[in-house]
Amino acid sequence: MEQNKKPTSYRMLILIATHKLADRAADMFQKSALPIQYRFNAEGTASSEIMDTLGFGSIDKCVLVSTVPRAFGNAMLKRLHNELRLDAVNSGIAFTIPLTGTSNHMLRMMNHTAEESSINTDNRKDANTMAENSYALVTAIVNRGFSGEVMNAARAAGAGGGTVMHSRSIGSEDAPGLWGLGVQEEKEFVLILAETENKVNIMRSISESCGMHSAAKGLVLSLPIDSVMGI
């Protein structure tokens, strides 16, 4: 009987929000005993017209990341939506990305979290949860200073806003030159939540403007979004 039991699927839960909302969400994660939690500083993007009006060049954001069983992730999405009011303008976006594998230690931690949690993990569809695979996470990795060009290209293809995270490349010193990636260590990750039907257009537009042939030396990829709140 145990052999016929459907295996549990796992998700990466991601919240992109203001620092204030991220603090509240981090407290929720902590009280829910989520075993894996990471926090990154990032910048939100907006059109140049909005920036000119407000008088600044970027919007500070936080990215929270955790890994959970799917049912628990759905429950956390609903809770984040209700308690952080993700339906309000400029609040935040929360979504889950399917995982295809994990270590045994992480697996035990996630299962323990789901068993011990008092959060209702009702699997019924919520009216505020988008249909599966309606959205994709388009990610562009470019040399530092080119996130603006990426967003201009993405908007030209119908994208809305995005989130910028700063990082640096690591690895073999010979690999970048071998693959034509350039040698600049400082990189920018530009995360764009896009409708699946428009994903290819956005990726193509970014590649044409900021691809490997350009000074941005950009790589563009996409990940499927399982469920999303805040759009």
Protein backbone atom coordinates (compact mmCIF):
# COMPACT_ATOMS: atom_id res chain seq x y z
CA MET A 1 0.00 0.00 0.00
CA GLU A 2 2.85 2.30 0.89
CA GLN A 3 4.42 1.68 -2.50
CA ASN A 4 1.36 3.14 -4.25
CA LYS A 5 1.49 6.34 -2.22
CA LYS A 6 1.93 9.36 -4.46
CA PRO A 7 5.33 11.00 -3.83
CA THR A 8 5.33 14.47 -2.30
CA SER A 9 6.31 17.29 -4.67
CA TYR A 10 8.37 20.23 -3.47
CA ARG A 11 8.48 23.90 -4.31
CA MET A 12 10.74 26.89 -3.88
CA LEU A 13 8.68 29.67 -2.29
CA ILE A 14 9.79 33.19 -3.24
CA LEU A 15 8.50 36.55 -1.99
CA ILE A 16 9.57 39.85 -3.56
CA ALA A 17 8.38 42.79 -1.46
CA THR A 18 9.33 45.97 0.36
CA HIS A 19 11.63 45.72 3.39
CA LYS A 20 8.72 46.32 5.77
CA LEU A 21 6.59 43.54 4.30
CA ALA A 22 9.63 41.27 4.05
CA ASP A 23 10.22 41.73 7.80
CA ARG A 24 6.64 40.63 8.50
CA ALA A 25 6.95 37.71 6.11
CA ALA A 26 10.25 36.62 7.69
CA ASP A 27 8.50 36.56 11.06
CA MET A 28 5.73 34.41 9.55
CA PHE A 29 8.33 32.05 8.09
CA GLN A 30 10.06 31.83 11.45
CA LYS A 31 6.85 31.07 13.36
CA SER A 32 5.94 28.45 10.76
CA ALA A 33 9.33 26.80 11.37
CA LEU A 34 10.35 26.83 7.72
CA PRO A 35 13.76 25.09 7.78
CA ILE A 36 15.38 26.85 4.82
CA GLN A 37 15.25 30.62 4.67
CA TYR A 38 17.33 33.10 2.67
CA ARG A 39 17.04 36.85 2.30
CA PHE A 40 18.50 39.02 -0.46
CA ASN A 41 18.52 42.76 -0.98
CA ALA A 42 17.31 43.83 -4.42
CA GLU A 43 16.00 46.76 -6.43
CA GLY A 44 12.60 47.08 -8.01
CA THR A 45 12.25 48.69 -11.42
CA ALA A 46 9.72 51.16 -12.75
CA SER A 47 9.33 53.15 -15.93
CA SER A 48 11.52 56.22 -16.40
CA GLU A 49 8.42 58.42 -16.30
CA ILE A 50 7.54 57.16 -12.83
CA MET A 51 11.14 57.55 -11.65
CA ASP A 52 11.31 61.11 -12.96
CA THR A 53 8.11 61.93 -11.11
CA LEU A 54 9.25 60.39 -7.83
CA GLY A 55 12.77 61.74 -8.12
CA PHE A 56 14.74 58.54 -7.57
CA GLY A 57 16.27 55.77 -9.62
CA SER A 58 15.30 52.54 -7.90
CA ILE A 59 12.95 51.02 -5.34
CA ASP A 60 14.51 48.99 -2.53
CA LYS A 61 13.15 45.46 -2.37
CA CYS A 62 13.79 42.25 -0.49
CA VAL A 63 13.68 38.71 -1.83
CA LEU A 64 12.81 35.93 0.62
CA VAL A 65 13.37 32.31 -0.42
CA SER A 66 12.31 29.09 1.28
CA THR A 67 11.78 25.47 0.24
CA VAL A 68 8.60 23.62 1.20
CA PRO A 69 6.31 20.70 0.24
CA ARG A 70 3.77 21.81 -2.37
CA ALA A 71 0.68 21.72 -0.10
CA PHE A 72 2.49 23.75 2.56
CA GLY A 73 3.67 26.21 -0.09
CA ASN A 74 0.11 26.75 -1.31
CA ALA A 75 -1.01 27.40 2.26
CA MET A 76 1.82 29.89 2.82
CA LEU A 77 0.96 31.70 -0.42
CA LYS A 78 -2.62 32.20 0.78
CA ARG A 79 -1.43 33.36 4.18
CA LEU A 80 1.05 35.82 2.67
CA HIS A 81 -1.69 37.15 0.39
CA ASN A 82 -4.14 37.65 3.25
CA GLU A 83 -1.80 39.01 5.94
CA LEU A 84 0.44 41.15 3.71
CA ARG A 85 -2.41 42.24 1.42
CA LEU A 86 -0.51 41.35 -1.73
CA ASP A 87 -3.49 42.51 -3.77
CA ALA A 88 -2.68 46.13 -2.84
CA VAL A 89 -0.68 48.31 -5.24
CA ASN A 90 3.12 48.12 -4.82
CA SER A 91 2.93 45.55 -2.04
CA GLY A 92 4.70 42.47 -3.35
CA ILE A 93 4.56 39.22 -5.29
CA ALA A 94 4.83 35.67 -3.94
CA PHE A 95 5.14 32.57 -6.09
CA THR A 96 6.39 28.99 -6.12
CA ILE A 97 8.73 27.20 -8.53
CA PRO A 98 8.69 23.39 -8.88
CA LEU A 99 11.81 21.53 -7.72
CA THR A 100 12.95 18.32 -9.41
CA GLY A 101 15.22 17.12 -6.60
CA THR A 102 16.61 17.77 -3.13
CA SER A 103 19.02 16.26 -0.63
CA ASN A 104 17.81 13.68 1.90
CA HIS A 105 18.55 16.04 4.80
CA MET A 106 16.49 18.85 3.28
CA LEU A 107 13.76 16.34 2.46
CA ARG A 108 13.46 15.32 6.11
CA MET A 109 13.35 18.94 7.25
CA MET A 110 10.60 19.88 4.79
CA ASN A 111 8.48 16.86 5.66
CA HIS A 112 8.87 17.60 9.36
CA THR A 113 7.75 21.19 8.77
CA ALA A 114 4.61 20.04 6.94
CA GLU A 115 3.74 17.50 9.65
CA GLU A 116 4.25 19.91 12.55
CA SER A 117 2.59 22.95 11.00
CA SER A 118 -0.86 24.06 12.13
CA ILE A 119 -1.43 25.93 8.85
CA ASN A 120 -4.39 24.66 6.87
CA THR A 121 -2.99 22.91 3.78
CA ASP A 122 -6.30 22.54 1.97
CA ASN A 123 -5.39 21.86 -1.67
CA ARG A 124 -8.52 23.39 -3.16
CA LYS A 125 -7.87 26.17 -5.66
CA ASP A 126 -8.07 29.67 -4.24
CA ALA A 127 -9.71 32.40 -6.30
CA ASN A 128 -6.57 34.51 -5.90
CA THR A 129 -4.19 31.79 -7.07
CA MET A 130 -3.41 31.91 -10.77
CA ALA A 131 -3.80 28.79 -12.88
CA GLU A 132 -0.70 26.62 -13.05
CA ASN A 133 1.83 27.52 -15.72
CA SER A 134 0.08 30.81 -16.52
CA TYR A 135 3.29 32.64 -15.62
CA ALA A 136 7.02 32.10 -16.03
CA LEU A 137 10.01 33.68 -14.32
CA VAL A 138 12.25 35.20 -16.99
CA THR A 139 15.77 35.70 -15.66
CA ALA A 140 18.51 37.68 -17.37
CA ILE A 141 22.10 37.55 -16.11
CA VAL A 142 24.09 40.50 -17.41
CA ASN A 143 27.20 42.51 -16.63
CA ARG A 144 26.68 45.07 -13.91
CA GLY A 145 25.14 48.31 -15.11
CA PHE A 146 22.98 46.81 -17.86
CA SER A 147 19.78 46.02 -15.93
CA GLY A 148 18.19 49.20 -17.30
CA GLU A 149 18.80 48.07 -20.87
CA VAL A 150 17.32 44.67 -20.02
CA MET A 151 14.14 46.24 -18.65
CA ASN A 152 13.83 48.56 -21.65
CA ALA A 153 13.98 45.55 -23.97
CA ALA A 154 11.56 43.56 -21.81
CA ARG A 155 9.02 46.40 -21.69
CA ALA A 156 9.22 46.79 -25.45
CA ALA A 157 8.00 43.18 -25.61
CA GLY A 158 5.15 43.78 -23.16
CA ALA A 159 6.73 43.09 -19.75
CA GLY A 160 5.86 45.08 -16.64
CA GLY A 161 8.32 45.67 -13.81
CA GLY A 162 11.24 43.57 -12.66
CA THR A 163 13.58 43.00 -9.74
CA VAL A 164 17.36 43.40 -9.85
CA MET A 165 19.77 41.40 -7.68
CA HIS A 166 23.53 42.01 -7.62
CA SER A 167 26.00 39.13 -7.62
CA ARG A 168 29.41 38.09 -8.86
CA SER A 169 30.49 35.22 -11.08
CA ILE A 170 32.72 32.47 -9.67
CA GLY A 171 34.46 29.44 -11.17
CA SER A 172 37.28 28.63 -13.53
CA GLU A 173 39.30 31.60 -14.78
CA ASP A 174 39.50 30.00 -18.23
CA ALA A 175 35.79 29.23 -18.67
CA PRO A 176 34.53 32.79 -19.33
CA GLY A 177 36.95 33.35 -22.20
CA LEU A 178 36.36 29.87 -23.58
CA TRP A 179 32.60 30.38 -23.80
CA GLY A 180 32.76 34.05 -24.74
CA LEU A 181 31.16 35.23 -21.49
CA GLY A 182 33.55 38.09 -20.81
CA VAL A 183 35.63 38.51 -17.68
CA GLN A 184 33.57 40.96 -15.62
CA GLU A 185 32.86 39.39 -12.23
CA GLU A 186 30.12 41.78 -11.10
CA LYS A 187 26.76 40.61 -12.45
CA GLU A 188 23.11 41.61 -12.21
CA PHE A 189 20.19 39.19 -12.10
CA VAL A 190 17.01 40.70 -13.53
CA LEU A 191 13.89 38.76 -12.50
CA ILE A 192 10.72 39.36 -14.53
CA LEU A 193 7.40 37.64 -13.91
CA ALA A 194 5.83 37.22 -17.34
CA GLU A 195 2.73 35.62 -18.80
CA THR A 196 3.72 32.30 -20.35
CA GLU A 197 2.32 33.21 -23.75
CA ASN A 198 4.57 36.29 -23.87
CA LYS A 199 7.66 34.64 -22.38
CA VAL A 200 9.40 33.91 -25.68
CA ASN A 201 8.87 37.45 -27.00
CA ILE A 202 10.39 38.95 -23.86
CA MET A 203 13.35 36.57 -23.90
CA ARG A 204 13.97 37.24 -27.59
CA SER A 205 13.84 41.01 -27.10
CA ILE A 206 16.32 40.86 -24.21
CA SER A 207 18.65 38.55 -26.13
CA GLU A 208 18.64 40.83 -29.17
CA SER A 209 19.52 43.92 -27.10
CA CYS A 210 21.60 42.48 -24.26
CA GLY A 211 22.70 39.06 -25.44
CA MET A 212 26.16 37.57 -25.80
CA HIS A 213 26.93 39.77 -28.81
CA SER A 214 26.50 42.95 -26.72
CA ALA A 215 28.53 44.61 -23.99
CA ALA A 216 26.01 43.26 -21.48
CA LYS A 217 27.07 39.67 -22.29
CA GLY A 218 23.63 38.52 -21.19
CA LEU A 219 22.29 35.04 -20.62
CA VAL A 220 18.50 34.66 -20.59
CA LEU A 221 16.53 31.74 -19.17
CA SER A 222 13.06 31.02 -17.82
CA LEU A 223 11.56 28.91 -15.02
CA PRO A 224 7.95 27.71 -14.73
CA ILE A 225 5.83 29.35 -12.03
CA ASP A 226 3.60 26.92 -10.15
CA SER A 227 1.30 29.37 -8.32
CA VAL A 228 1.43 33.11 -7.79
CA MET A 229 -0.09 35.77 -5.52
CA GLY A 230 0.06 39.52 -5.85
CA ILE A 231 -0.66 40.12 -9.53
